[in-house]
Amino acid sequence: MTQHPMQQFHDLVANILDNGIRESNRTGIDTLSLPGQVLRFDLRDGFPAITTKKLAFKSAVGELIGFMRGYLSAAQFRQLGCKVWDANANTTPSWLANPYRAECGGEDQLGRIYSAQWTDWRDWRAVHSFGESQALIEQGYELIAEDFDRSTYVLRRGINQLEEVLTKLLTNPTDRRKVITGWRPDEWDQAALPSCHTEYAWQCDTVNRVLHMTMQMRSFDVGLGFNVTLCGLMLAIMAKLSGFTPGSFVMLINDAHIYVNHVDGMREMLSREHYPQPTLHLGDSIPTLTSADQVRGVFTRIQPDDIKIPDYVSHPRIVLPMAA
């Protein structure tokens, strides 16, 4: 008998509960933690949704769309039905004390989180001639500052990594540089939370037109389990936009942990039986593109109501408070 796709998630939870090392952390709530864990899913087996507790699917969809739109405010995420950034924006002590939060506008501001890195990776250049500065402006850079006495020109552009990867999928799918990175050490003093999922990389089977993906996580709050859903959605959306069938994705997890105040809820989840995996439906705001000329702005037009798992069935919700 074939194992249920989400049993490996149950196995990870059980392994952490049995063998995890108790550790303190920045939140003040201890975790049980294991290093170097791996999860592998295949969207051809159904959408990987946990059914042994109710999945906060609307919130996961809202979070991913907020990232894709470049949102930097918890209020913007709430408008999409996602409240997971409220605590990071408004209760995390280190962020409340950070002057950059006030510079951004204070309440609900998140700074340079995932959204900024995915859609506006800041690329700075300093050149020493007017001609060089003009050449960069023609390439899309913006002049930020100039010092005529020292013949110095400072320019900036924002790189939309989502659009760059999608362009490669459409024009050069065998390129091995189809990577989005969220890790930006020089800007973490400007962010409410450094990225937990630090890298996405895509691999194309061009013979069978199947798209695969690998995701690297530095930190995985296993009890909430959001990132399995987020990975599945990311792969499915990229595949539809580029005309591929979504295949497998692998999660490489540096620190897989369960907060100690989630332990009882996790044991309740493990006592339940899995329901069948649902089918993911992506609507018309996620089109299949035929040209790289259609890429610009496509991620900002994706609508939450166009992402559904209509046949999803689950056990009741288990309340697990998020540590921030």
C-alpha atoms as a PDB file:
ATOM      1  CA  MET A   1       0.000   0.000   0.000  1.00  0.00           C
ATOM      2  CA  THR A   2       1.385   3.436  -1.004  1.00  0.00           C
ATOM      3  CA  GLN A   3       2.242   5.748   1.881  1.00  0.00           C
ATOM      4  CA  HIS A   4       0.159   8.910   2.182  1.00  0.00           C
ATOM      5  CA  PRO A   5       2.206  11.907   0.942  1.00  0.00           C
ATOM      6  CA  MET A   6       1.807  13.752   4.254  1.00  0.00           C
ATOM      7  CA  GLN A   7       2.927  10.780   6.379  1.00  0.00           C
ATOM      8  CA  GLN A   8       6.506  11.994   6.014  1.00  0.00           C
ATOM      9  CA  PHE A   9       5.419  15.240   7.688  1.00  0.00           C
ATOM     10  CA  HIS A  10       3.926  13.177  10.534  1.00  0.00           C
ATOM     11  CA  ASP A  11       7.169  11.205  10.720  1.00  0.00           C
ATOM     12  CA  LEU A  12       9.160  14.438  11.023  1.00  0.00           C
ATOM     13  CA  VAL A  13       6.885  15.639  13.831  1.00  0.00           C
ATOM     14  CA  ALA A  14       7.203  12.320  15.669  1.00  0.00           C
ATOM     15  CA  ASN A  15      10.993  12.340  15.253  1.00  0.00           C
ATOM     16  CA  ILE A  16      11.258  15.833  16.724  1.00  0.00           C
ATOM     17  CA  LEU A  17       8.974  14.954  19.646  1.00  0.00           C
ATOM     18  CA  ASP A  18      10.992  11.802  20.393  1.00  0.00           C
ATOM     19  CA  ASN A  19      14.527  12.973  19.640  1.00  0.00           C
ATOM     20  CA  GLY A  20      14.537  16.774  19.460  1.00  0.00           C
ATOM     21  CA  ILE A  21      16.991  18.708  21.632  1.00  0.00           C
ATOM     22  CA  ARG A  22      15.413  21.351  23.854  1.00  0.00           C
ATOM     23  CA  GLU A  23      16.862  24.764  23.042  1.00  0.00           C
ATOM     24  CA  SER A  24      16.235  28.357  23.986  1.00  0.00           C
ATOM     25  CA  ASN A  25      15.845  31.040  21.280  1.00  0.00           C
ATOM     26  CA  ARG A  26      15.096  34.703  20.660  1.00  0.00           C
ATOM     27  CA  THR A  27      11.323  34.311  21.243  1.00  0.00           C
ATOM     28  CA  GLY A  28      11.647  33.197  24.871  1.00  0.00           C
ATOM     29  CA  ILE A  29       9.678  29.993  24.118  1.00  0.00           C
ATOM     30  CA  ASP A  30      11.901  26.906  23.971  1.00  0.00           C
ATOM     31  CA  THR A  31      11.864  24.516  21.019  1.00  0.00           C
ATOM     32  CA  LEU A  32      12.554  20.849  20.423  1.00  0.00           C
ATOM     33  CA  SER A  33      14.936  20.932  17.477  1.00  0.00           C
ATOM     34  CA  LEU A  34      16.549  18.589  14.922  1.00  0.00           C
ATOM     35  CA  PRO A  35      19.132  19.587  12.277  1.00  0.00           C
ATOM     36  CA  GLY A  36      19.373  18.598   8.626  1.00  0.00           C
ATOM     37  CA  GLN A  37      15.892  17.325   7.775  1.00  0.00           C
ATOM     38  CA  VAL A  38      14.486  16.666   4.281  1.00  0.00           C
ATOM     39  CA  LEU A  39      10.907  16.520   2.945  1.00  0.00           C
ATOM     40  CA  ARG A  40      10.017  15.558  -0.638  1.00  0.00           C
ATOM     41  CA  PHE A  41       6.609  15.984  -2.293  1.00  0.00           C
ATOM     42  CA  ASP A  42       5.228  15.537  -5.799  1.00  0.00           C
ATOM     43  CA  LEU A  43       2.298  17.645  -6.993  1.00  0.00           C
ATOM     44  CA  ARG A  44       1.354  14.860  -9.402  1.00  0.00           C
ATOM     45  CA  ASP A  45       0.200  12.961  -6.281  1.00  0.00           C
ATOM     46  CA  GLY A  46      -2.137  15.812  -5.281  1.00  0.00           C
ATOM     47  CA  PHE A  47      -1.551  19.084  -3.477  1.00  0.00           C
ATOM     48  CA  PRO A  48       0.494  18.574  -0.261  1.00  0.00           C
ATOM     49  CA  ALA A  49      -1.970  19.868   2.326  1.00  0.00           C
ATOM     50  CA  ILE A  50      -2.005  18.662   5.911  1.00  0.00           C
ATOM     51  CA  THR A  51      -5.439  17.154   6.636  1.00  0.00           C
ATOM     52  CA  THR A  52      -4.943  15.987  10.232  1.00  0.00           C
ATOM     53  CA  LYS A  53      -5.543  19.569  11.304  1.00  0.00           C
ATOM     54  CA  LYS A  54      -7.304  22.305   9.370  1.00  0.00           C
ATOM     55  CA  LEU A  55      -4.894  24.059   7.034  1.00  0.00           C
ATOM     56  CA  ALA A  56      -4.965  27.856   7.114  1.00  0.00           C
ATOM     57  CA  PHE A  57      -4.955  27.838   3.312  1.00  0.00           C
ATOM     58  CA  LYS A  58      -6.316  31.362   2.805  1.00  0.00           C
ATOM     59  CA  SER A  59      -3.589  32.736   5.048  1.00  0.00           C
ATOM     60  CA  ALA A  60      -0.870  30.814   3.189  1.00  0.00           C
ATOM     61  CA  VAL A  61      -2.181  32.069  -0.162  1.00  0.00           C
ATOM     62  CA  GLY A  62      -2.287  35.627   1.157  1.00  0.00           C
ATOM     63  CA  GLU A  63       1.267  35.416   2.426  1.00  0.00           C
ATOM     64  CA  LEU A  64       2.669  34.158  -0.890  1.00  0.00           C
ATOM     65  CA  ILE A  65       0.745  36.726  -2.939  1.00  0.00           C
ATOM     66  CA  GLY A  66       1.923  39.461  -0.565  1.00  0.00           C
ATOM     67  CA  PHE A  67       5.512  38.378  -1.140  1.00  0.00           C
ATOM     68  CA  MET A  68       4.969  38.340  -4.905  1.00  0.00           C
ATOM     69  CA  ARG A  69       3.452  41.826  -4.836  1.00  0.00           C
ATOM     70  CA  GLY A  70       6.352  43.191  -2.795  1.00  0.00           C
ATOM     71  CA  TYR A  71       4.219  44.071   0.247  1.00  0.00           C
ATOM     72  CA  LEU A  72       6.123  45.439   3.254  1.00  0.00           C
ATOM     73  CA  SER A  73       3.267  46.105   5.686  1.00  0.00           C
ATOM     74  CA  ALA A  74       1.323  43.699   7.906  1.00  0.00           C
ATOM     75  CA  ALA A  75      -1.790  45.712   7.001  1.00  0.00           C
ATOM     76  CA  GLN A  76      -1.323  44.777   3.334  1.00  0.00           C
ATOM     77  CA  PHE A  77      -0.995  41.098   4.249  1.00  0.00           C
ATOM     78  CA  ARG A  78      -4.170  41.325   6.378  1.00  0.00           C
ATOM     79  CA  GLN A  79      -6.057  42.646   3.357  1.00  0.00           C
ATOM     80  CA  LEU A  80      -5.132  39.351   1.664  1.00  0.00           C
ATOM     81  CA  GLY A  81      -6.427  37.305   4.611  1.00  0.00           C
ATOM     82  CA  CYS A  82      -3.004  36.697   6.186  1.00  0.00           C
ATOM     83  CA  LYS A  83      -2.339  37.744   9.792  1.00  0.00           C
ATOM     84  CA  VAL A  84       0.904  35.849  10.376  1.00  0.00           C
ATOM     85  CA  TRP A  85       3.009  39.021  10.083  1.00  0.00           C
ATOM     86  CA  ASP A  86       1.071  41.022  12.709  1.00  0.00           C
ATOM     87  CA  ALA A  87       3.208  39.853  15.626  1.00  0.00           C
ATOM     88  CA  ASN A  88       6.513  40.338  13.807  1.00  0.00           C
ATOM     89  CA  ALA A  89       5.499  43.865  12.867  1.00  0.00           C
ATOM     90  CA  ASN A  90       4.036  45.031  16.166  1.00  0.00           C
ATOM     91  CA  THR A  91       5.205  42.892  19.122  1.00  0.00           C
ATOM     92  CA  THR A  92       8.760  41.634  18.454  1.00  0.00           C
ATOM     93  CA  PRO A  93      10.868  43.647  20.959  1.00  0.00           C
ATOM     94  CA  SER A  94      13.998  43.948  18.817  1.00  0.00           C
ATOM     95  CA  TRP A  95      11.979  45.269  15.853  1.00  0.00           C
ATOM     96  CA  LEU A  96       9.976  47.700  18.000  1.00  0.00           C
ATOM     97  CA  ALA A  97      13.279  49.146  19.219  1.00  0.00           C
ATOM     98  CA  ASN A  98      14.757  49.327  15.708  1.00  0.00           C
ATOM     99  CA  PRO A  99      14.955  52.940  14.402  1.00  0.00           C
ATOM    100  CA  TYR A 100      14.390  51.706  10.849  1.00  0.00           C
ATOM    101  CA  ARG A 101      10.838  50.626  11.782  1.00  0.00           C
ATOM    102  CA  ALA A 102       9.994  54.220  12.697  1.00  0.00           C
ATOM    103  CA  GLU A 103      11.623  55.489   9.499  1.00  0.00           C
ATOM    104  CA  CYS A 104       9.343  53.147   7.500  1.00  0.00           C
ATOM    105  CA  GLY A 105       6.237  54.497   9.206  1.00  0.00           C
ATOM    106  CA  GLY A 106       5.986  52.606  12.506  1.00  0.00           C
ATOM    107  CA  GLU A 107       2.883  50.490  13.071  1.00  0.00           C
ATOM    108  CA  ASP A 108       2.537  47.418  10.825  1.00  0.00           C
ATOM    109  CA  GLN A 109       5.792  48.130   8.984  1.00  0.00           C
ATOM    110  CA  LEU A 110       8.024  45.122   8.268  1.00  0.00           C
ATOM    111  CA  GLY A 111      11.043  46.592   6.505  1.00  0.00           C
ATOM    112  CA  ARG A 112      13.155  44.636   4.020  1.00  0.00           C
ATOM    113  CA  ILE A 113      11.579  41.175   4.452  1.00  0.00           C
ATOM    114  CA  TYR A 114      11.113  38.451   1.798  1.00  0.00           C
ATOM    115  CA  SER A 115       8.948  40.681  -0.366  1.00  0.00           C
ATOM    116  CA  ALA A 116      11.696  43.231  -0.804  1.00  0.00           C
ATOM    117  CA  GLN A 117      14.339  40.619  -1.586  1.00  0.00           C
ATOM    118  CA  TRP A 118      12.169  38.751  -4.108  1.00  0.00           C
ATOM    119  CA  THR A 119      10.883  41.776  -6.004  1.00  0.00           C
ATOM    120  CA  ASP A 120      13.335  44.616  -5.306  1.00  0.00           C
ATOM    121  CA  TRP A 121      16.801  43.225  -4.619  1.00  0.00           C
ATOM    122  CA  ARG A 122      18.824  46.421  -4.263  1.00  0.00           C
ATOM    123  CA  ASP A 123      21.832  46.610  -6.585  1.00  0.00           C
ATOM    124  CA  TRP A 124      24.068  49.629  -5.929  1.00  0.00           C
ATOM    125  CA  ARG A 125      26.808  50.937  -8.237  1.00  0.00           C
ATOM    126  CA  ALA A 126      29.333  53.738  -7.770  1.00  0.00           C
ATOM    127  CA  VAL A 127      31.022  54.967 -10.968  1.00  0.00           C
ATOM    128  CA  HIS A 128      33.465  57.766 -11.618  1.00  0.00           C
ATOM    129  CA  SER A 129      32.465  59.346 -14.900  1.00  0.00           C
ATOM    130  CA  PHE A 130      29.345  60.975 -16.280  1.00  0.00           C
ATOM    131  CA  GLY A 131      29.437  58.640 -19.278  1.00  0.00           C
ATOM    132  CA  GLU A 132      29.412  55.534 -17.075  1.00  0.00           C
ATOM    133  CA  SER A 133      26.485  56.887 -15.078  1.00  0.00           C
ATOM    134  CA  GLN A 134      24.481  57.561 -18.230  1.00  0.00           C
ATOM    135  CA  ALA A 135      25.167  54.057 -19.537  1.00  0.00           C
ATOM    136  CA  LEU A 136      23.807  52.562 -16.302  1.00  0.00           C
ATOM    137  CA  ILE A 137      20.739  54.814 -16.420  1.00  0.00           C
ATOM    138  CA  GLU A 138      20.018  53.446 -19.899  1.00  0.00           C
ATOM    139  CA  GLN A 139      20.162  49.940 -18.349  1.00  0.00           C
ATOM    140  CA  GLY A 140      17.484  50.834 -15.811  1.00  0.00           C
ATOM    141  CA  TYR A 141      19.507  52.258 -12.920  1.00  0.00           C
ATOM    142  CA  GLU A 142      18.388  55.366 -11.028  1.00  0.00           C
ATOM    143  CA  LEU A 143      20.834  58.114 -10.053  1.00  0.00           C
ATOM    144  CA  ILE A 144      20.749  58.386  -6.242  1.00  0.00           C
ATOM    145  CA  ALA A 145      23.613  60.785  -5.473  1.00  0.00           C
ATOM    146  CA  GLU A 146      26.460  62.570  -7.185  1.00  0.00           C
ATOM    147  CA  ASP A 147      29.637  64.324  -6.053  1.00  0.00           C
ATOM    148  CA  PHE A 148      31.010  66.492  -8.840  1.00  0.00           C
ATOM    149  CA  ASP A 149      34.241  67.331  -6.948  1.00  0.00           C
ATOM    150  CA  ARG A 150      35.152  63.650  -6.742  1.00  0.00           C
ATOM    151  CA  SER A 151      33.482  62.638 -10.007  1.00  0.00           C
ATOM    152  CA  THR A 152      31.422  60.028  -8.179  1.00  0.00           C
ATOM    153  CA  TYR A 153      27.935  58.902  -9.171  1.00  0.00           C
ATOM    154  CA  VAL A 154      25.891  56.489  -7.035  1.00  0.00           C
ATOM    155  CA  LEU A 155      23.131  54.568  -8.822  1.00  0.00           C
ATOM    156  CA  ARG A 156      20.608  51.929  -7.833  1.00  0.00           C
ATOM    157  CA  ARG A 157      18.271  49.450  -9.491  1.00  0.00           C
ATOM    158  CA  GLY A 158      15.827  46.939  -8.055  1.00  0.00           C
ATOM    159  CA  ILE A 159      16.000  43.352  -9.347  1.00  0.00           C
ATOM    160  CA  ASN A 160      12.740  41.391  -9.470  1.00  0.00           C
ATOM    161  CA  GLN A 161      14.040  37.861  -8.982  1.00  0.00           C
ATOM    162  CA  LEU A 162      10.616  36.307  -9.634  1.00  0.00           C
ATOM    163  CA  GLU A 163      10.427  37.906 -13.067  1.00  0.00           C
ATOM    164  CA  GLU A 164      14.027  36.987 -13.874  1.00  0.00           C
ATOM    165  CA  VAL A 165      13.429  33.292 -13.105  1.00  0.00           C
ATOM    166  CA  LEU A 166      10.159  33.230 -15.042  1.00  0.00           C
ATOM    167  CA  THR A 167      11.898  34.818 -18.026  1.00  0.00           C
ATOM    168  CA  LYS A 168      14.541  32.062 -17.945  1.00  0.00           C
ATOM    169  CA  LEU A 169      11.837  29.384 -17.743  1.00  0.00           C
ATOM    170  CA  LEU A 170      10.273  30.820 -20.884  1.00  0.00           C
ATOM    171  CA  THR A 171      13.438  31.510 -22.865  1.00  0.00           C
ATOM    172  CA  ASN A 172      16.169  29.203 -21.561  1.00  0.00           C
ATOM    173  CA  PRO A 173      14.630  26.516 -19.315  1.00  0.00           C
ATOM    174  CA  THR A 174      17.819  24.412 -19.077  1.00  0.00           C
ATOM    175  CA  ASP A 175      19.720  27.348 -17.522  1.00  0.00           C
ATOM    176  CA  ARG A 176      20.996  26.190 -14.106  1.00  0.00           C
ATOM    177  CA  ARG A 177      20.817  29.713 -12.642  1.00  0.00           C
ATOM    178  CA  LYS A 178      17.065  29.790 -12.037  1.00  0.00           C
ATOM    179  CA  VAL A 179      17.407  30.757  -8.377  1.00  0.00           C
ATOM    180  CA  ILE A 180      15.657  33.159  -6.023  1.00  0.00           C
ATOM    181  CA  THR A 181      17.567  34.001  -2.865  1.00  0.00           C
ATOM    182  CA  GLY A 182      16.064  35.672   0.181  1.00  0.00           C
ATOM    183  CA  TRP A 183      19.252  35.912   2.216  1.00  0.00           C
ATOM    184  CA  ARG A 184      20.562  39.484   2.409  1.00  0.00           C
ATOM    185  CA  PRO A 185      22.851  39.922   5.459  1.00  0.00           C
ATOM    186  CA  ASP A 186      23.531  43.599   4.763  1.00  0.00           C
ATOM    187  CA  GLU A 187      19.812  44.403   5.144  1.00  0.00           C
ATOM    188  CA  TRP A 188      18.723  42.315   8.137  1.00  0.00           C
ATOM    189  CA  ASP A 189      19.061  45.342  10.405  1.00  0.00           C
ATOM    190  CA  GLN A 190      16.248  46.754   8.235  1.00  0.00           C
ATOM    191  CA  ALA A 191      13.867  43.765   8.518  1.00  0.00           C
ATOM    192  CA  ALA A 192      11.392  42.611  11.155  1.00  0.00           C
ATOM    193  CA  LEU A 193      12.534  39.016  10.475  1.00  0.00           C
ATOM    194  CA  PRO A 194      15.316  37.607   8.282  1.00  0.00           C
ATOM    195  CA  SER A 195      14.062  35.149   5.674  1.00  0.00           C
ATOM    196  CA  CYS A 196      13.381  31.620   6.965  1.00  0.00           C
ATOM    197  CA  HIS A 197      13.152  30.080   3.490  1.00  0.00           C
ATOM    198  CA  THR A 198      16.388  31.345   2.031  1.00  0.00           C
ATOM    199  CA  GLU A 199      16.490  29.909  -1.499  1.00  0.00           C
ATOM    200  CA  TYR A 200      14.274  28.517  -4.253  1.00  0.00           C
ATOM    201  CA  ALA A 201      15.814  26.791  -7.278  1.00  0.00           C
ATOM    202  CA  TRP A 202      14.045  25.278 -10.302  1.00  0.00           C
ATOM    203  CA  GLN A 203      15.002  22.356 -12.517  1.00  0.00           C
ATOM    204  CA  CYS A 204      13.247  21.643 -15.833  1.00  0.00           C
ATOM    205  CA  ASP A 205      12.579  18.303 -17.497  1.00  0.00           C
ATOM    206  CA  THR A 206      12.249  19.757 -20.992  1.00  0.00           C
ATOM    207  CA  VAL A 207      11.482  16.379 -22.589  1.00  0.00           C
ATOM    208  CA  ASN A 208       8.354  15.750 -20.518  1.00  0.00           C
ATOM    209  CA  ARG A 209       7.698  19.459 -19.770  1.00  0.00           C
ATOM    210  CA  VAL A 210       7.812  18.955 -15.983  1.00  0.00           C
ATOM    211  CA  LEU A 211       9.084  21.590 -13.534  1.00  0.00           C
ATOM    212  CA  HIS A 212      10.815  20.611 -10.276  1.00  0.00           C
ATOM    213  CA  MET A 213      11.953  22.788  -7.380  1.00  0.00           C
ATOM    214  CA  THR A 214      14.268  22.710  -4.366  1.00  0.00           C
ATOM    215  CA  MET A 215      13.784  25.003  -1.371  1.00  0.00           C
ATOM    216  CA  GLN A 216      16.340  25.670   1.362  1.00  0.00           C
ATOM    217  CA  MET A 217      15.142  26.643   4.854  1.00  0.00           C
ATOM    218  CA  ARG A 218      17.315  27.906   7.681  1.00  0.00           C
ATOM    219  CA  SER A 219      14.431  27.630  10.180  1.00  0.00           C
ATOM    220  CA  PHE A 220      11.153  25.678  10.002  1.00  0.00           C
ATOM    221  CA  ASP A 221       8.368  26.150  12.561  1.00  0.00           C
ATOM    222  CA  VAL A 222       7.034  22.639  11.996  1.00  0.00           C
ATOM    223  CA  GLY A 223       3.889  23.036  14.090  1.00  0.00           C
ATOM    224  CA  LEU A 224       2.542  25.795  11.869  1.00  0.00           C
ATOM    225  CA  GLY A 225       3.702  23.920   8.760  1.00  0.00           C
ATOM    226  CA  PHE A 226       3.018  26.865   6.452  1.00  0.00           C
ATOM    227  CA  ASN A 227       6.044  26.360   4.279  1.00  0.00           C
ATOM    228  CA  VAL A 228       4.974  23.006   2.815  1.00  0.00           C
ATOM    229  CA  THR A 229       1.896  24.789   1.447  1.00  0.00           C
ATOM    230  CA  LEU A 230       3.948  27.794   0.356  1.00  0.00           C
ATOM    231  CA  CYS A 231       6.374  25.549  -1.572  1.00  0.00           C
ATOM    232  CA  GLY A 232       3.561  23.703  -3.321  1.00  0.00           C
ATOM    233  CA  LEU A 233       1.924  26.959  -4.358  1.00  0.00           C
ATOM    234  CA  MET A 234       5.189  28.486  -5.563  1.00  0.00           C
ATOM    235  CA  LEU A 235       5.969  25.479  -7.764  1.00  0.00           C
ATOM    236  CA  ALA A 236       2.425  25.232  -9.145  1.00  0.00           C
ATOM    237  CA  ILE A 237       2.216  28.942  -9.989  1.00  0.00           C
ATOM    238  CA  MET A 238       5.635  29.030 -11.658  1.00  0.00           C
ATOM    239  CA  ALA A 239       4.767  25.907 -13.638  1.00  0.00           C
ATOM    240  CA  LYS A 240       1.465  27.248 -14.940  1.00  0.00           C
ATOM    241  CA  LEU A 241       2.945  30.639 -15.861  1.00  0.00           C
ATOM    242  CA  SER A 242       5.744  28.971 -17.843  1.00  0.00           C
ATOM    243  CA  GLY A 243       3.735  26.165 -19.438  1.00  0.00           C
ATOM    244  CA  PHE A 244       5.142  23.229 -17.455  1.00  0.00           C
ATOM    245  CA  THR A 245       3.468  20.493 -15.425  1.00  0.00           C
ATOM    246  CA  PRO A 246       4.345  20.892 -11.723  1.00  0.00           C
ATOM    247  CA  GLY A 247       6.426  17.966 -10.522  1.00  0.00           C
ATOM    248  CA  SER A 248       8.354  17.402  -7.314  1.00  0.00           C
ATOM    249  CA  PHE A 249       9.749  19.748  -4.732  1.00  0.00           C
ATOM    250  CA  VAL A 250      12.279  19.116  -1.993  1.00  0.00           C
ATOM    251  CA  MET A 251      12.567  21.031   1.281  1.00  0.00           C
ATOM    252  CA  LEU A 252      16.075  21.073   2.781  1.00  0.00           C
ATOM    253  CA  ILE A 253      15.720  22.143   6.409  1.00  0.00           C
ATOM    254  CA  ASN A 254      18.606  23.337   8.548  1.00  0.00           C
ATOM    255  CA  ASP A 255      16.682  23.636  11.841  1.00  0.00           C
ATOM    256  CA  ALA A 256      13.342  21.804  12.088  1.00  0.00           C
ATOM    257  CA  HIS A 257      11.714  22.621  15.414  1.00  0.00           C
ATOM    258  CA  ILE A 258       8.526  22.431  17.439  1.00  0.00           C
ATOM    259  CA  TYR A 259       7.823  25.047  20.099  1.00  0.00           C
ATOM    260  CA  VAL A 260       7.164  23.479  23.482  1.00  0.00           C
ATOM    261  CA  ASN A 261       3.735  25.132  23.662  1.00  0.00           C
ATOM    262  CA  HIS A 262       2.839  23.266  20.426  1.00  0.00           C
ATOM    263  CA  VAL A 263       3.699  19.788  21.711  1.00  0.00           C
ATOM    264  CA  ASP A 264       0.212  18.824  22.919  1.00  0.00           C
ATOM    265  CA  GLY A 265      -1.321  20.022  19.653  1.00  0.00           C
ATOM    266  CA  MET A 266       1.208  18.036  17.637  1.00  0.00           C
ATOM    267  CA  ARG A 267       0.451  14.873  19.602  1.00  0.00           C
ATOM    268  CA  GLU A 268      -3.256  15.412  18.890  1.00  0.00           C
ATOM    269  CA  MET A 269      -2.479  15.797  15.192  1.00  0.00           C
ATOM    270  CA  LEU A 270      -0.480  12.558  15.134  1.00  0.00           C
ATOM    271  CA  SER A 271      -3.432  10.660  16.618  1.00  0.00           C
ATOM    272  CA  ARG A 272      -5.571  11.435  13.551  1.00  0.00           C
ATOM    273  CA  GLU A 273      -5.811   9.663  10.204  1.00  0.00           C
ATOM    274  CA  HIS A 274      -4.998  11.378   6.907  1.00  0.00           C
ATOM    275  CA  TYR A 275      -7.686  12.341   4.409  1.00  0.00           C
ATOM    276  CA  PRO A 276      -6.938  12.198   0.649  1.00  0.00           C
ATOM    277  CA  GLN A 277      -4.802  14.973  -0.791  1.00  0.00           C
ATOM    278  CA  PRO A 278      -6.828  17.745  -2.467  1.00  0.00           C
ATOM    279  CA  THR A 279      -6.559  19.089  -6.007  1.00  0.00           C
ATOM    280  CA  LEU A 280      -5.145  22.576  -6.532  1.00  0.00           C
ATOM    281  CA  HIS A 281      -7.060  24.865  -8.917  1.00  0.00           C
ATOM    282  CA  LEU A 282      -5.364  27.951 -10.382  1.00  0.00           C
ATOM    283  CA  GLY A 283      -7.654  30.445 -12.117  1.00  0.00           C
ATOM    284  CA  ASP A 284      -7.358  32.880 -14.993  1.00  0.00           C
ATOM    285  CA  SER A 285      -5.277  35.521 -13.170  1.00  0.00           C
ATOM    286  CA  ILE A 286      -2.436  32.992 -13.430  1.00  0.00           C
ATOM    287  CA  PRO A 287      -2.126  32.632 -17.221  1.00  0.00           C
ATOM    288  CA  THR A 288       0.234  30.468 -19.242  1.00  0.00           C
ATOM    289  CA  LEU A 289       2.594  32.915 -20.913  1.00  0.00           C
ATOM    290  CA  THR A 290       3.912  32.473 -24.431  1.00  0.00           C
ATOM    291  CA  SER A 291       6.553  35.214 -24.473  1.00  0.00           C
ATOM    292  CA  ALA A 292       9.018  36.876 -22.114  1.00  0.00           C
ATOM    293  CA  ASP A 293       7.411  40.188 -23.112  1.00  0.00           C
ATOM    294  CA  GLN A 294       4.403  39.162 -20.974  1.00  0.00           C
ATOM    295  CA  VAL A 295       6.372  38.648 -17.747  1.00  0.00           C
ATOM    296  CA  ARG A 296       6.564  42.181 -16.387  1.00  0.00           C
ATOM    297  CA  GLY A 297       3.955  42.733 -13.667  1.00  0.00           C
ATOM    298  CA  VAL A 298       2.343  39.296 -14.004  1.00  0.00           C
ATOM    299  CA  PHE A 299       2.927  38.367 -10.338  1.00  0.00           C
ATOM    300  CA  THR A 300       1.222  41.522  -9.074  1.00  0.00           C
ATOM    301  CA  ARG A 301      -1.973  40.607 -10.948  1.00  0.00           C
ATOM    302  CA  ILE A 302      -2.481  37.200  -9.285  1.00  0.00           C
ATOM    303  CA  GLN A 303      -5.747  37.185  -7.300  1.00  0.00           C
ATOM    304  CA  PRO A 304      -6.231  35.193  -4.048  1.00  0.00           C
ATOM    305  CA  ASP A 305      -9.665  33.946  -5.123  1.00  0.00           C
ATOM    306  CA  ASP A 306      -8.028  32.251  -8.122  1.00  0.00           C
ATOM    307  CA  ILE A 307      -6.104  29.828  -5.893  1.00  0.00           C
ATOM    308  CA  LYS A 308      -8.307  27.090  -4.426  1.00  0.00           C
ATOM    309  CA  ILE A 309      -8.335  23.501  -3.153  1.00  0.00           C
ATOM    310  CA  PRO A 310     -12.082  22.887  -3.593  1.00  0.00           C
ATOM    311  CA  ASP A 311     -12.089  19.222  -2.560  1.00  0.00           C
ATOM    312  CA  TYR A 312     -10.054  19.730   0.642  1.00  0.00           C
ATOM    313  CA  VAL A 313     -11.334  17.805   3.680  1.00  0.00           C
ATOM    314  CA  SER A 314      -9.655  17.894   7.084  1.00  0.00           C
ATOM    315  CA  HIS A 315      -9.937  17.219  10.793  1.00  0.00           C
ATOM    316  CA  PRO A 316     -10.758  20.229  13.034  1.00  0.00           C
ATOM    317  CA  ARG A 317      -8.374  23.089  13.609  1.00  0.00           C
ATOM    318  CA  ILE A 318      -5.652  22.840  16.271  1.00  0.00           C
ATOM    319  CA  VAL A 319      -4.788  26.246  17.748  1.00  0.00           C
ATOM    320  CA  LEU A 320      -1.010  26.815  17.776  1.00  0.00           C
ATOM    321  CA  PRO A 321       0.096  30.329  18.749  1.00  0.00           C
ATOM    322  CA  MET A 322       2.970  31.736  16.677  1.00  0.00           C
ATOM    323  CA  ALA A 323       6.134  32.760  18.521  1.00  0.00           C
ATOM    324  CA  ALA A 324       7.542  36.084  17.369  1.00  0.00           C
END
